[in-house]
Amino acid sequence: MSVVKINVLTVPEDQRETLEKRFAARAGAVESSDGFEWFELLRPVEGTDTYLVYTRWRSEEDFERWRDGRGQAAHAGSQGDKPRPAATGATLWSFEVVQQAAPRQD
């Protein structure tokens, strides 16, 4: 079964637009990675400053390969021009998918 990685980002209100624009600018950066299955950026709506970055991978090894390769490159900037992070904190949660369901196809 797949593995899910949820990056929990603390983003002050004045940095929300910056964070969302940065993710939009990187659209397509992960989609062609071997083993990648799904991505969602979840914006908070109920009085919290926590964004969730949800990705699903075929295996832990696929995620690690992306993280140590293309993922690392996507988060690196050139010396001197790397913008300040929009998030003030980050935690990575890891899960294995043990059950899943999809809408019925009639």
C-alpha atoms as a PDB file:
ATOM      1  CA  MET A   1       0.000   0.000   0.000  1.00  0.00           C
ATOM      2  CA  SER A   2       0.923   3.627  -0.412  1.00  0.00           C
ATOM      3  CA  VAL A   3       2.567   5.921   2.110  1.00  0.00           C
ATOM      4  CA  VAL A   4       1.363   9.427   2.964  1.00  0.00           C
ATOM      5  CA  LYS A   5       3.570  12.323   3.992  1.00  0.00           C
ATOM      6  CA  ILE A   6       1.949  15.376   5.554  1.00  0.00           C
ATOM      7  CA  ASN A   7       4.142  18.409   6.033  1.00  0.00           C
ATOM      8  CA  VAL A   8       2.559  20.528   8.777  1.00  0.00           C
ATOM      9  CA  LEU A   9       3.511  24.172   8.209  1.00  0.00           C
ATOM     10  CA  THR A  10       2.956  27.027  10.636  1.00  0.00           C
ATOM     11  CA  VAL A  11       2.314  30.067   8.432  1.00  0.00           C
ATOM     12  CA  PRO A  12       1.588  33.517   9.859  1.00  0.00           C
ATOM     13  CA  GLU A  13      -1.407  35.206   8.238  1.00  0.00           C
ATOM     14  CA  ASP A  14       0.773  37.792   6.498  1.00  0.00           C
ATOM     15  CA  GLN A  15       2.743  34.987   4.770  1.00  0.00           C
ATOM     16  CA  ARG A  16      -0.175  32.881   3.496  1.00  0.00           C
ATOM     17  CA  GLU A  17      -0.300  34.488   0.051  1.00  0.00           C
ATOM     18  CA  THR A  18       3.480  34.127  -0.285  1.00  0.00           C
ATOM     19  CA  LEU A  19       3.342  30.433   0.582  1.00  0.00           C
ATOM     20  CA  GLU A  20       0.515  29.728  -1.855  1.00  0.00           C
ATOM     21  CA  LYS A  21       2.258  31.630  -4.672  1.00  0.00           C
ATOM     22  CA  ARG A  22       5.473  29.662  -4.089  1.00  0.00           C
ATOM     23  CA  PHE A  23       3.611  26.359  -4.320  1.00  0.00           C
ATOM     24  CA  ALA A  24       1.807  27.541  -7.469  1.00  0.00           C
ATOM     25  CA  ALA A  25       5.159  28.506  -9.023  1.00  0.00           C
ATOM     26  CA  ARG A  26       6.466  24.977  -8.369  1.00  0.00           C
ATOM     27  CA  ALA A  27       3.447  23.284  -9.961  1.00  0.00           C
ATOM     28  CA  GLY A  28       4.642  20.221 -11.850  1.00  0.00           C
ATOM     29  CA  ALA A  29       7.844  19.854  -9.821  1.00  0.00           C
ATOM     30  CA  VAL A  30       6.786  16.604  -8.153  1.00  0.00           C
ATOM     31  CA  GLU A  31       4.168  15.154 -10.498  1.00  0.00           C
ATOM     32  CA  SER A  32       6.622  13.349 -12.786  1.00  0.00           C
ATOM     33  CA  SER A  33       8.576  11.755  -9.930  1.00  0.00           C
ATOM     34  CA  ASP A  34       8.645   7.961  -9.927  1.00  0.00           C
ATOM     35  CA  GLY A  35       6.202   6.622  -7.350  1.00  0.00           C
ATOM     36  CA  PHE A  36       4.351   9.926  -6.854  1.00  0.00           C
ATOM     37  CA  GLU A  37       0.573   9.438  -6.518  1.00  0.00           C
ATOM     38  CA  TRP A  38      -1.065  12.617  -5.150  1.00  0.00           C
ATOM     39  CA  PHE A  39      -0.515  16.168  -3.863  1.00  0.00           C
ATOM     40  CA  GLU A  40      -2.747  18.646  -2.048  1.00  0.00           C
ATOM     41  CA  LEU A  41      -1.988  21.964  -0.356  1.00  0.00           C
ATOM     42  CA  LEU A  42      -4.604  22.466   2.371  1.00  0.00           C
ATOM     43  CA  ARG A  43      -5.358  25.998   3.584  1.00  0.00           C
ATOM     44  CA  PRO A  44      -6.676  26.426   7.155  1.00  0.00           C
ATOM     45  CA  VAL A  45     -10.196  27.806   7.544  1.00  0.00           C
ATOM     46  CA  GLU A  46     -10.956  27.561  11.266  1.00  0.00           C
ATOM     47  CA  GLY A  47      -8.783  29.941  13.249  1.00  0.00           C
ATOM     48  CA  THR A  48      -5.437  28.182  12.886  1.00  0.00           C
ATOM     49  CA  ASP A  49      -2.213  29.119  11.136  1.00  0.00           C
ATOM     50  CA  THR A  50      -1.418  25.535  10.104  1.00  0.00           C
ATOM     51  CA  TYR A  51      -1.235  24.524   6.441  1.00  0.00           C
ATOM     52  CA  LEU A  52      -1.003  20.855   5.491  1.00  0.00           C
ATOM     53  CA  VAL A  53       0.975  19.674   2.469  1.00  0.00           C
ATOM     54  CA  TYR A  54      -0.347  16.205   1.623  1.00  0.00           C
ATOM     55  CA  THR A  55       1.559  13.870  -0.687  1.00  0.00           C
ATOM     56  CA  ARG A  56       0.983  10.183  -1.357  1.00  0.00           C
ATOM     57  CA  TRP A  57       3.708   7.855  -2.648  1.00  0.00           C
ATOM     58  CA  ARG A  58       3.812   4.283  -3.913  1.00  0.00           C
ATOM     59  CA  SER A  59       6.490   3.458  -1.294  1.00  0.00           C
ATOM     60  CA  GLU A  60       8.728   4.949   1.376  1.00  0.00           C
ATOM     61  CA  GLU A  61      11.689   4.408  -0.970  1.00  0.00           C
ATOM     62  CA  ASP A  62      10.024   6.464  -3.724  1.00  0.00           C
ATOM     63  CA  PHE A  63       9.437   9.330  -1.294  1.00  0.00           C
ATOM     64  CA  GLU A  64      13.029   9.177  -0.014  1.00  0.00           C
ATOM     65  CA  ARG A  65      14.409   9.158  -3.554  1.00  0.00           C
ATOM     66  CA  TRP A  66      12.383  12.284  -4.377  1.00  0.00           C
ATOM     67  CA  ARG A  67      13.227  13.957  -1.039  1.00  0.00           C
ATOM     68  CA  ASP A  68      16.965  13.376  -1.447  1.00  0.00           C
ATOM     69  CA  GLY A  69      17.000  14.368  -5.123  1.00  0.00           C
ATOM     70  CA  ARG A  70      14.435  16.591  -6.807  1.00  0.00           C
ATOM     71  CA  GLY A  71      12.771  17.556  -3.523  1.00  0.00           C
ATOM     72  CA  GLN A  72      16.016  18.815  -2.052  1.00  0.00           C
ATOM     73  CA  ALA A  73      16.752  20.762  -5.241  1.00  0.00           C
ATOM     74  CA  ALA A  74      13.268  22.312  -5.198  1.00  0.00           C
ATOM     75  CA  HIS A  75      13.868  23.719  -1.704  1.00  0.00           C
ATOM     76  CA  ALA A  76      17.383  25.018  -2.421  1.00  0.00           C
ATOM     77  CA  GLY A  77      18.082  28.513  -3.644  1.00  0.00           C
ATOM     78  CA  SER A  78      21.151  30.090  -5.115  1.00  0.00           C
ATOM     79  CA  GLN A  79      23.560  31.635  -2.665  1.00  0.00           C
ATOM     80  CA  GLY A  80      22.371  35.059  -1.604  1.00  0.00           C
ATOM     81  CA  ASP A  81      18.980  35.022  -3.349  1.00  0.00           C
ATOM     82  CA  LYS A  82      17.130  32.425  -1.298  1.00  0.00           C
ATOM     83  CA  PRO A  83      13.913  34.068  -0.016  1.00  0.00           C
ATOM     84  CA  ARG A  84      13.016  33.872   3.630  1.00  0.00           C
ATOM     85  CA  PRO A  85      10.710  30.929   4.425  1.00  0.00           C
ATOM     86  CA  ALA A  86       6.986  31.736   4.562  1.00  0.00           C
ATOM     87  CA  ALA A  87       6.507  29.136   7.307  1.00  0.00           C
ATOM     88  CA  THR A  88       7.816  29.664  10.814  1.00  0.00           C
ATOM     89  CA  GLY A  89       7.747  25.950  11.656  1.00  0.00           C
ATOM     90  CA  ALA A  90       7.416  22.572   9.962  1.00  0.00           C
ATOM     91  CA  THR A  91       6.798  19.000  11.079  1.00  0.00           C
ATOM     92  CA  LEU A  92       6.614  15.918   8.859  1.00  0.00           C
ATOM     93  CA  TRP A  93       3.990  13.283   9.644  1.00  0.00           C
ATOM     94  CA  SER A  94       4.237   9.842   8.020  1.00  0.00           C
ATOM     95  CA  PHE A  95       1.471   7.287   7.534  1.00  0.00           C
ATOM     96  CA  GLU A  96       0.870   3.990   5.750  1.00  0.00           C
ATOM     97  CA  VAL A  97      -2.426   3.648   3.908  1.00  0.00           C
ATOM     98  CA  VAL A  98      -4.224   0.627   5.368  1.00  0.00           C
ATOM     99  CA  GLN A  99      -7.682   1.261   3.884  1.00  0.00           C
ATOM    100  CA  GLN A 100      -9.015   3.502   1.175  1.00  0.00           C
ATOM    101  CA  ALA A 101     -12.245   4.106  -0.716  1.00  0.00           C
ATOM    102  CA  ALA A 102     -13.233   5.934  -3.862  1.00  0.00           C
ATOM    103  CA  PRO A 103     -16.630   6.968  -5.243  1.00  0.00           C
ATOM    104  CA  ARG A 104     -18.554   4.158  -6.881  1.00  0.00           C
ATOM    105  CA  GLN A 105     -18.423   4.031 -10.646  1.00  0.00           C
ATOM    106  CA  ASP A 106     -21.958   3.134 -11.764  1.00  0.00           C
END
